[in-house]
Protein backbone atom coordinates (compact mmCIF):
# COMPACT_ATOMS: atom_id res chain seq x y z
CA MET A 1 34.23 140.46 23.23
CA GLY A 2 34.73 141.26 19.57
CA LYS A 3 33.33 144.00 17.42
CA LYS A 4 29.68 144.91 17.83
CA ILE A 5 27.28 144.27 14.93
CA LEU A 6 23.65 145.39 14.77
CA VAL A 7 21.53 142.94 12.76
CA ALA A 8 18.20 144.32 11.52
CA GLU A 9 16.11 141.49 10.08
CA ASP A 10 12.40 140.79 10.52
CA SER A 11 12.81 137.04 9.92
CA SER A 12 13.66 135.33 13.23
CA VAL A 13 15.18 132.38 11.36
CA ILE A 14 17.62 134.51 9.35
CA GLN A 15 18.33 136.64 12.42
CA ASN A 16 19.21 133.58 14.53
CA ILE A 17 21.40 131.92 11.90
CA THR A 18 23.22 135.20 11.22
CA ARG A 19 23.76 135.65 14.96
CA LYS A 20 25.24 132.15 15.34
CA VAL A 21 27.53 132.47 12.31
CA LEU A 22 28.88 135.86 13.43
CA GLN A 23 29.17 134.94 17.12
CA PHE A 24 31.29 131.99 16.03
CA GLN A 25 33.61 134.62 14.47
CA ASN A 26 33.73 136.44 17.85
CA TYR A 27 31.38 139.27 16.92
CA GLU A 28 28.98 140.63 19.51
CA ILE A 29 25.48 140.69 17.99
CA ILE A 30 22.48 142.85 18.84
CA SER A 31 19.31 142.04 16.84
CA VAL A 32 16.29 144.15 16.00
CA LYS A 33 13.25 143.68 13.73
CA ASN A 34 12.84 147.02 11.91
CA GLY A 35 14.50 150.26 10.88
CA GLN A 36 13.04 152.33 13.70
CA GLN A 37 14.58 149.94 16.24
CA VAL A 38 17.94 150.35 14.45
CA LEU A 39 17.81 154.11 15.03
CA ASP A 40 16.76 153.58 18.67
CA LYS A 41 19.67 151.18 19.34
CA LEU A 42 22.13 153.42 17.51
CA GLU A 43 21.12 156.28 19.81
CA GLN A 44 22.07 154.15 22.85
CA THR A 45 25.31 152.57 21.65
CA ASP A 46 27.93 152.55 18.89
CA PHE A 47 28.30 149.67 16.44
CA ASP A 48 31.15 148.56 14.19
CA ALA A 49 28.71 147.64 11.40
CA ILE A 50 24.99 147.31 10.69
CA LEU A 51 23.45 144.46 8.68
CA LEU A 52 20.22 145.87 7.33
CA ASP A 53 17.40 143.90 5.74
CA ILE A 54 15.85 146.05 3.00
CA ASN A 55 12.27 144.76 3.37
CA MET A 56 11.18 145.32 6.97
CA PRO A 57 8.01 146.63 8.61
CA VAL A 58 7.72 150.13 10.16
CA MET A 59 10.79 151.52 8.35
CA ASP A 60 12.56 149.73 5.51
CA GLY A 61 16.30 149.43 5.11
CA MET A 62 16.64 152.10 2.40
CA GLU A 63 14.92 154.76 4.52
CA CYS A 64 16.79 153.62 7.62
CA ALA A 65 20.18 153.89 5.86
CA GLN A 66 19.33 157.45 4.75
CA LYS A 67 18.40 158.40 8.32
CA ILE A 68 21.62 156.91 9.71
CA ARG A 69 23.71 158.90 7.20
CA ALA A 70 21.79 162.09 8.15
CA LEU A 71 22.61 161.79 11.89
CA ASP A 72 24.71 164.60 13.40
CA ASP A 73 27.01 162.30 15.38
CA SER A 74 29.99 161.37 13.17
CA SER A 75 30.69 158.17 15.13
CA LYS A 76 27.18 156.99 14.22
CA ASN A 77 26.59 158.40 10.72
CA SER A 78 29.72 156.76 9.32
CA VAL A 79 29.08 153.19 10.54
CA PRO A 80 29.43 150.66 7.68
CA ILE A 81 26.03 149.42 6.46
CA VAL A 82 25.56 146.09 4.68
CA ALA A 83 22.18 145.57 3.01
CA ILE A 84 20.58 142.13 3.03
CA THR A 85 17.90 141.64 0.41
CA GLY A 86 15.87 138.97 -1.30
CA ASN A 87 15.00 141.51 -4.00
CA ALA A 88 18.47 142.46 -5.21
CA LYS A 89 17.06 142.70 -8.75
CA ASN A 90 14.93 145.67 -7.64
CA TYR A 91 18.01 147.67 -6.63
CA SER A 92 21.36 148.43 -8.19
CA MET A 93 24.57 149.05 -6.25
CA ASP A 94 24.07 152.71 -7.25
CA ASP A 95 20.68 152.71 -5.48
CA PHE A 96 22.34 151.31 -2.37
CA LYS A 97 25.27 153.77 -2.56
CA ALA A 98 22.82 156.69 -2.98
CA VAL A 99 21.38 156.03 0.50
CA GLY A 100 24.79 155.31 2.03
CA ILE A 101 24.86 151.50 1.96
CA ASN A 102 28.44 150.19 1.64
CA GLU A 103 27.88 146.56 0.57
CA TYR A 104 25.01 144.19 -0.05
CA LEU A 105 24.36 140.50 0.37
CA PRO A 106 21.60 138.71 -1.56
CA LYS A 107 19.27 136.21 0.10
CA PRO A 108 19.48 133.32 0.55
CA LEU A 109 22.57 134.31 2.51
CA ASN A 110 25.84 132.63 1.71
CA PHE A 111 27.47 132.50 5.13
CA ASP A 112 31.06 132.54 3.82
CA ASN A 113 30.18 135.76 1.98
CA LEU A 114 28.49 137.11 5.10
CA VAL A 115 31.63 136.56 7.19
CA ASN A 116 33.90 137.94 4.44
CA VAL A 117 31.85 141.11 3.96
CA VAL A 118 31.49 141.76 7.71
CA ASN A 119 35.24 141.19 8.19
CA LYS A 120 35.93 143.59 5.32
CA VAL A 121 33.69 146.45 6.52
CA THR A 122 34.93 146.13 10.12
CA ASN A 123 38.58 145.75 9.05
CA ASN A 124 38.73 142.48 11.00
């Protein structure tokens, strides 16, 4: 199997399409619905990248990214994070960088961009 990507997205539709697009590129996909579940999964296993929706229930993507970067385990706190947001206007790249987000993709997702960015952050 290919590299392992954690997709955090509360929309089942976006989650499923993202999964299909990335599986077609030979990525292994694990999906969760909120930031707390991201931290729980990250505790159990290592990922090559995390796709993180910014607007999620329980814990949003900005807070989640900060918590990932604050982890003690260097194999986990350095994982590339790609933000996915429908409200890109509300955030600048500086806002994303400040919490440790490496790249961002605006919604609606352009799937060529999705594949390109995931390939880039995972050095695929």
